[in-house]
Amino acid sequence: MLPRPKLLEIENRGHKRHSCHWPAVLFTDNFNRSCVIEDISNGGCRLLVNTGKLTSGSTVKIQVPARKLSFTGKIVWLHCEEAGIKFTSKPARL
């Protein structure tokens, strides 16, 4: 029997991600809901959010009241209770 090959995980990312746990609000054209930003980079973020009624490709706005941040982006992936957002506007600071 051949040995099981080791898996090599490669991330093809243009920006370094930073772990965080920031309460935020996700706004769409039709509704808004609470979420948590789990990690963030200059290019996007990963949200912990109820993904019901969210669709990939939709434009969203995210506000982080405690940090006085606001930015817009597009949903690029949805999986279970997580969403990947690609920023279309950058926050003034992270």
N, C-alpha and C. Protein backbone atom coordinates (compact mmCIF):
# COMPACT_ATOMS: atom_id res chain seq x y z
N MET A 1 0.84 -1.17 0.00
CA MET A 1 0.00 0.00 0.00
C MET A 1 0.89 1.24 0.00
N LEU A 2 0.55 2.20 -0.83
CA LEU A 2 1.32 3.44 -0.92
C LEU A 2 1.02 4.35 0.26
N PRO A 3 2.02 5.11 0.71
CA PRO A 3 1.76 6.05 1.81
C PRO A 3 0.84 7.18 1.35
N ARG A 4 0.06 7.66 2.27
CA ARG A 4 -0.85 8.77 1.97
C ARG A 4 -0.03 10.04 1.74
N PRO A 5 -0.26 10.75 0.64
CA PRO A 5 0.52 11.96 0.38
C PRO A 5 0.15 13.07 1.37
N LYS A 6 1.15 13.88 1.70
CA LYS A 6 0.90 15.03 2.56
C LYS A 6 0.20 16.09 1.72
N LEU A 7 -0.78 16.72 2.32
CA LEU A 7 -1.51 17.77 1.61
C LEU A 7 -0.78 19.09 1.80
N LEU A 8 -0.68 19.81 0.75
CA LEU A 8 -0.05 21.13 0.79
C LEU A 8 -1.14 22.15 0.51
N GLU A 9 -1.38 22.99 1.49
CA GLU A 9 -2.41 24.01 1.32
C GLU A 9 -1.74 25.29 0.86
N ILE A 10 -2.19 25.80 -0.27
CA ILE A 10 -1.63 27.02 -0.83
C ILE A 10 -2.73 28.07 -0.88
N GLU A 11 -2.44 29.22 -0.33
CA GLU A 11 -3.39 30.31 -0.40
C GLU A 11 -2.89 31.30 -1.43
N ASN A 12 -3.73 31.61 -2.38
CA ASN A 12 -3.38 32.56 -3.41
C ASN A 12 -4.03 33.90 -3.06
N ARG A 13 -3.40 34.63 -2.15
CA ARG A 13 -3.98 35.86 -1.65
C ARG A 13 -3.06 37.03 -1.98
N GLY A 14 -3.67 38.13 -2.35
CA GLY A 14 -2.90 39.33 -2.65
C GLY A 14 -2.61 40.19 -1.44
N HIS A 15 -3.32 39.92 -0.32
CA HIS A 15 -3.17 40.74 0.88
C HIS A 15 -3.08 39.84 2.11
N LYS A 16 -2.27 40.24 3.06
CA LYS A 16 -2.15 39.50 4.32
C LYS A 16 -3.42 39.66 5.14
N ARG A 17 -3.94 38.54 5.64
CA ARG A 17 -5.15 38.58 6.47
C ARG A 17 -4.77 38.74 7.94
N HIS A 18 -5.65 39.43 8.67
CA HIS A 18 -5.46 39.63 10.10
C HIS A 18 -6.68 39.10 10.82
N SER A 19 -6.46 38.20 11.77
CA SER A 19 -7.57 37.68 12.57
C SER A 19 -8.13 38.79 13.44
N CYS A 20 -9.43 38.80 13.58
CA CYS A 20 -10.10 39.77 14.43
C CYS A 20 -11.44 39.17 14.85
N HIS A 21 -12.18 39.86 15.63
CA HIS A 21 -13.52 39.41 16.02
C HIS A 21 -14.34 40.68 16.26
N TRP A 22 -14.64 41.39 15.15
CA TRP A 22 -15.29 42.70 15.23
C TRP A 22 -16.78 42.58 14.96
N PRO A 23 -17.62 42.95 15.91
CA PRO A 23 -19.06 43.03 15.64
C PRO A 23 -19.30 44.09 14.57
N ALA A 24 -20.18 43.78 13.63
CA ALA A 24 -20.44 44.69 12.51
C ALA A 24 -21.90 44.55 12.07
N VAL A 25 -22.28 45.39 11.12
CA VAL A 25 -23.61 45.32 10.52
C VAL A 25 -23.43 45.23 9.01
N LEU A 26 -24.09 44.27 8.40
CA LEU A 26 -24.07 44.06 6.96
C LEU A 26 -25.36 44.64 6.37
N PHE A 27 -25.22 45.52 5.39
CA PHE A 27 -26.37 46.15 4.73
C PHE A 27 -26.45 45.67 3.28
N THR A 28 -27.65 45.29 2.85
CA THR A 28 -27.91 44.99 1.44
C THR A 28 -29.00 45.95 0.98
N ASP A 29 -29.42 45.84 -0.27
CA ASP A 29 -30.51 46.69 -0.77
C ASP A 29 -31.81 46.41 -0.04
N ASN A 30 -32.01 45.19 0.44
CA ASN A 30 -33.30 44.78 0.99
C ASN A 30 -33.36 44.65 2.51
N PHE A 31 -32.22 44.49 3.17
CA PHE A 31 -32.24 44.26 4.61
C PHE A 31 -30.85 44.52 5.20
N ASN A 32 -30.78 44.51 6.52
CA ASN A 32 -29.49 44.54 7.20
C ASN A 32 -29.51 43.50 8.30
N ARG A 33 -28.31 43.07 8.70
CA ARG A 33 -28.23 42.08 9.78
C ARG A 33 -26.88 42.18 10.47
N SER A 34 -26.89 41.74 11.71
CA SER A 34 -25.66 41.71 12.50
C SER A 34 -24.72 40.64 11.95
N CYS A 35 -23.43 40.89 12.09
CA CYS A 35 -22.43 39.92 11.66
C CYS A 35 -21.17 40.14 12.50
N VAL A 36 -20.19 39.28 12.31
CA VAL A 36 -18.90 39.43 12.97
C VAL A 36 -17.83 39.27 11.90
N ILE A 37 -16.91 40.22 11.83
CA ILE A 37 -15.77 40.09 10.91
C ILE A 37 -14.74 39.20 11.61
N GLU A 38 -14.47 38.05 11.01
CA GLU A 38 -13.54 37.07 11.59
C GLU A 38 -12.10 37.33 11.18
N ASP A 39 -11.89 37.76 9.94
CA ASP A 39 -10.56 38.19 9.51
C ASP A 39 -10.72 39.24 8.43
N ILE A 40 -9.67 40.05 8.28
CA ILE A 40 -9.76 41.19 7.37
C ILE A 40 -8.40 41.44 6.75
N SER A 41 -8.40 41.97 5.53
CA SER A 41 -7.18 42.38 4.84
C SER A 41 -7.51 43.66 4.09
N ASN A 42 -6.54 44.20 3.39
CA ASN A 42 -6.80 45.38 2.57
C ASN A 42 -7.72 45.07 1.40
N GLY A 43 -7.85 43.80 1.05
CA GLY A 43 -8.66 43.42 -0.11
C GLY A 43 -10.04 42.89 0.20
N GLY A 44 -10.28 42.48 1.46
CA GLY A 44 -11.59 41.92 1.79
C GLY A 44 -11.65 41.39 3.20
N CYS A 45 -12.74 40.67 3.48
CA CYS A 45 -12.90 40.12 4.83
C CYS A 45 -13.75 38.86 4.78
N ARG A 46 -13.71 38.13 5.89
CA ARG A 46 -14.54 36.94 6.06
C ARG A 46 -15.51 37.22 7.20
N LEU A 47 -16.79 37.03 6.92
CA LEU A 47 -17.84 37.32 7.90
C LEU A 47 -18.45 36.05 8.46
N LEU A 48 -18.79 36.09 9.72
CA LEU A 48 -19.65 35.10 10.34
C LEU A 48 -21.03 35.75 10.35
N VAL A 49 -21.97 35.17 9.58
CA VAL A 49 -23.26 35.83 9.36
C VAL A 49 -24.31 34.80 8.96
N ASN A 50 -25.56 35.09 9.26
CA ASN A 50 -26.66 34.27 8.75
C ASN A 50 -26.71 34.52 7.24
N THR A 51 -26.39 33.50 6.45
CA THR A 51 -26.28 33.68 5.00
C THR A 51 -27.61 33.54 4.26
N GLY A 52 -28.69 33.27 4.98
CA GLY A 52 -30.00 33.17 4.33
C GLY A 52 -30.32 34.45 3.58
N LYS A 53 -30.79 34.33 2.36
CA LYS A 53 -31.16 35.42 1.45
C LYS A 53 -29.98 36.21 0.90
N LEU A 54 -28.75 35.87 1.27
CA LEU A 54 -27.59 36.51 0.66
C LEU A 54 -27.27 35.78 -0.63
N THR A 55 -26.79 36.51 -1.64
CA THR A 55 -26.43 35.89 -2.91
C THR A 55 -25.03 36.34 -3.33
N SER A 56 -24.29 35.40 -3.86
CA SER A 56 -22.96 35.69 -4.37
C SER A 56 -23.06 36.72 -5.49
N GLY A 57 -22.17 37.69 -5.48
CA GLY A 57 -22.18 38.75 -6.48
C GLY A 57 -22.90 40.01 -6.04
N SER A 58 -23.65 39.93 -4.94
CA SER A 58 -24.38 41.09 -4.44
C SER A 58 -23.43 42.13 -3.86
N THR A 59 -23.78 43.40 -4.03
CA THR A 59 -23.04 44.49 -3.41
C THR A 59 -23.57 44.69 -2.00
N VAL A 60 -22.66 44.85 -1.05
CA VAL A 60 -23.03 45.04 0.36
C VAL A 60 -22.23 46.20 0.95
N LYS A 61 -22.74 46.72 2.04
CA LYS A 61 -22.01 47.71 2.83
C LYS A 61 -21.83 47.12 4.22
N ILE A 62 -20.67 47.32 4.80
CA ILE A 62 -20.38 46.81 6.13
C ILE A 62 -19.94 47.98 7.00
N GLN A 63 -20.56 48.07 8.18
CA GLN A 63 -20.17 49.10 9.14
C GLN A 63 -19.68 48.42 10.41
N VAL A 64 -18.59 48.97 10.95
CA VAL A 64 -18.03 48.49 12.21
C VAL A 64 -18.09 49.67 13.18
N PRO A 65 -19.20 49.82 13.90
CA PRO A 65 -19.39 51.00 14.74
C PRO A 65 -18.29 51.23 15.78
N ALA A 66 -17.82 50.19 16.43
CA ALA A 66 -16.81 50.35 17.49
C ALA A 66 -15.49 50.90 16.96
N ARG A 67 -15.22 50.68 15.68
CA ARG A 67 -13.97 51.15 15.07
C ARG A 67 -14.20 52.30 14.11
N LYS A 68 -15.44 52.73 13.99
CA LYS A 68 -15.81 53.82 13.08
C LYS A 68 -15.32 53.55 11.66
N LEU A 69 -15.53 52.31 11.20
CA LEU A 69 -15.16 51.90 9.85
C LEU A 69 -16.41 51.62 9.04
N SER A 70 -16.33 51.89 7.75
CA SER A 70 -17.41 51.58 6.83
C SER A 70 -16.79 51.32 5.46
N PHE A 71 -17.25 50.28 4.78
CA PHE A 71 -16.74 49.99 3.45
C PHE A 71 -17.78 49.21 2.66
N THR A 72 -17.61 49.21 1.35
CA THR A 72 -18.50 48.45 0.48
C THR A 72 -17.71 47.34 -0.19
N GLY A 73 -18.46 46.33 -0.63
CA GLY A 73 -17.82 45.21 -1.29
C GLY A 73 -18.82 44.32 -1.99
N LYS A 74 -18.32 43.25 -2.56
CA LYS A 74 -19.16 42.25 -3.23
C LYS A 74 -18.98 40.92 -2.52
N ILE A 75 -20.07 40.19 -2.40
CA ILE A 75 -20.00 38.84 -1.85
C ILE A 75 -19.39 37.95 -2.92
N VAL A 76 -18.26 37.30 -2.59
CA VAL A 76 -17.60 36.45 -3.58
C VAL A 76 -17.79 34.97 -3.28
N TRP A 77 -18.13 34.62 -2.03
CA TRP A 77 -18.46 33.23 -1.72
C TRP A 77 -19.33 33.18 -0.47
N LEU A 78 -20.12 32.12 -0.39
CA LEU A 78 -20.98 31.84 0.76
C LEU A 78 -20.80 30.37 1.12
N HIS A 79 -20.65 30.09 2.41
CA HIS A 79 -20.53 28.70 2.85
C HIS A 79 -21.04 28.60 4.28
N CYS A 80 -22.09 27.82 4.48
CA CYS A 80 -22.71 27.66 5.80
C CYS A 80 -23.02 29.02 6.39
N GLU A 81 -22.39 29.38 7.48
CA GLU A 81 -22.64 30.65 8.16
C GLU A 81 -21.50 31.64 7.94
N GLU A 82 -20.81 31.53 6.81
CA GLU A 82 -19.71 32.44 6.50
C GLU A 82 -19.89 33.04 5.11
N ALA A 83 -19.33 34.24 4.95
CA ALA A 83 -19.36 34.91 3.66
C ALA A 83 -18.01 35.57 3.42
N GLY A 84 -17.54 35.50 2.18
CA GLY A 84 -16.32 36.18 1.78
C GLY A 84 -16.67 37.44 1.03
N ILE A 85 -16.08 38.54 1.43
CA ILE A 85 -16.36 39.85 0.84
C ILE A 85 -15.09 40.39 0.21
N LYS A 86 -15.19 40.85 -1.04
CA LYS A 86 -14.08 41.55 -1.71
C LYS A 86 -14.43 43.03 -1.68
N PHE A 87 -13.53 43.84 -1.11
CA PHE A 87 -13.81 45.26 -0.99
C PHE A 87 -13.81 45.95 -2.35
N THR A 88 -14.78 46.84 -2.54
CA THR A 88 -14.79 47.72 -3.71
C THR A 88 -14.46 49.14 -3.28
N SER A 89 -14.51 49.40 -1.98
CA SER A 89 -14.01 50.66 -1.41
C SER A 89 -13.20 50.28 -0.18
N LYS A 90 -12.12 50.97 0.04
CA LYS A 90 -11.25 50.65 1.16
C LYS A 90 -11.62 51.51 2.37
N PRO A 91 -11.56 50.92 3.56
CA PRO A 91 -11.74 51.75 4.76
C PRO A 91 -10.56 52.72 4.88
N ALA A 92 -10.78 53.82 5.56
CA ALA A 92 -9.72 54.82 5.72
C ALA A 92 -8.51 54.23 6.43
N ARG A 93 -8.76 53.33 7.37
CA ARG A 93 -7.68 52.66 8.10
C ARG A 93 -8.20 51.32 8.60
N LEU A 94 -7.30 50.39 8.84
CA LEU A 94 -7.69 49.10 9.42
C LEU A 94 -7.09 48.97 10.80
